[in-house]
Every structure is written in structure tokens, then in C-alpha cells.
């Protein structure tokens, strides 16, 4: 099990949190996603996580990496 932390921009509400969680749900290996609205930190726990795929998906959703 590993944890990946990404700091993303434009996270302002629970709708943003839900968009990220829903948008990342189809990526294999992800088991848990936590999003901190205040800091923009997205913590992803799982196995064989590929940062480039995850950050690209988050950016496509409208939350590019800081």
C-alpha cells in the first residue's frame, strides 16, 4: 500500500471534492481518496499508483497541480 499526495488548484467546495473522487474512481489501484479543501491536498492511497496518470486526470477535471 502506498500514498500519493498532490496539491491541486481550484478546490473550493464539496462539489469539487466529489468531482475529484468520482473522476479518479475508474483508475486501477486507487483504494482511498481524501481531499482537503483548505490546502488543496489530494491524498490517494492504493497500490501501483501512477502519479502522471492521476495528476493528468485531476487537471482534466479542472484542478491542475500547484
Protein backbone atom coordinates (compact mmCIF):
# COMPACT_ATOMS: atom_id res chain seq x y z
CA UNK A 1 0.00 0.00 0.00
CA UNK A 2 1.32 3.44 -0.89
CA UNK A 3 0.10 7.02 -0.54
CA UNK A 4 0.47 9.73 -3.15
CA UNK A 5 -0.03 13.40 -2.23
CA UNK A 6 -0.84 16.02 -4.85
CA UNK A 7 -1.57 19.69 -4.23
CA UNK A 8 -4.24 20.85 -6.68
CA UNK A 9 -5.66 24.27 -7.54
CA UNK A 10 -9.29 25.43 -7.66
CA UNK A 11 -10.69 23.12 -4.96
CA UNK A 12 -13.30 25.31 -3.31
CA UNK A 13 -16.24 23.18 -2.14
CA UNK A 14 -17.62 19.69 -1.56
CA UNK A 15 -18.75 19.63 -5.19
CA UNK A 16 -15.09 19.88 -6.20
CA UNK A 17 -14.22 17.08 -3.78
CA UNK A 18 -16.95 14.87 -5.26
CA UNK A 19 -15.79 15.67 -8.82
CA UNK A 20 -12.26 14.55 -7.97
CA UNK A 21 -13.38 11.39 -6.17
CA UNK A 22 -15.77 10.42 -8.98
CA UNK A 23 -13.24 11.30 -11.68
CA UNK A 24 -10.49 9.18 -10.15
CA UNK A 25 -12.71 6.21 -9.25
CA UNK A 26 -12.05 4.40 -12.54
CA UNK A 27 -8.24 4.44 -12.21
CA UNK A 28 -6.96 0.96 -11.24
CA UNK A 29 -5.16 0.58 -7.92
CA UNK A 30 -6.82 3.51 -6.11
CA UNK A 31 -8.45 2.40 -2.87
CA UNK A 32 -8.97 5.65 -0.96
CA UNK A 33 -9.10 9.35 -1.86
CA UNK A 34 -9.06 12.19 0.66
CA UNK A 35 -9.30 15.86 -0.35
CA UNK A 36 -8.55 18.84 1.91
CA UNK A 37 -10.45 21.88 0.60
CA UNK A 38 -8.36 24.40 2.57
CA UNK A 39 -4.93 23.23 1.41
CA UNK A 40 -5.85 21.63 -1.92
CA UNK A 41 -4.11 18.42 -0.85
CA UNK A 42 -5.37 15.27 -2.53
CA UNK A 43 -4.17 12.11 -0.76
CA UNK A 44 -4.56 8.92 -2.72
CA UNK A 45 -3.93 5.51 -1.18
CA UNK A 46 -3.64 2.31 -3.15
CA UNK A 47 -1.28 0.01 -4.98
CA UNK A 48 0.83 0.63 -8.09
CA UNK A 49 -0.21 4.30 -8.24
CA UNK A 50 0.98 6.17 -11.32
CA UNK A 51 1.37 9.86 -10.46
CA UNK A 52 1.42 11.08 -14.06
CA UNK A 53 -1.92 9.43 -14.88
CA UNK A 54 -3.53 10.69 -11.68
CA UNK A 55 -2.29 14.29 -11.98
CA UNK A 56 -3.31 14.41 -15.64
CA UNK A 57 -6.83 13.21 -14.77
CA UNK A 58 -7.14 15.75 -11.94
CA UNK A 59 -6.01 18.53 -14.32
CA UNK A 60 -8.57 17.45 -16.96
CA UNK A 61 -11.23 17.71 -14.24
CA UNK A 62 -10.22 21.37 -13.71
CA UNK A 63 -7.86 21.05 -10.75
CA UNK A 64 -4.26 21.34 -12.06
CA UNK A 65 -1.33 20.63 -9.78
CA UNK A 66 0.03 23.66 -7.90
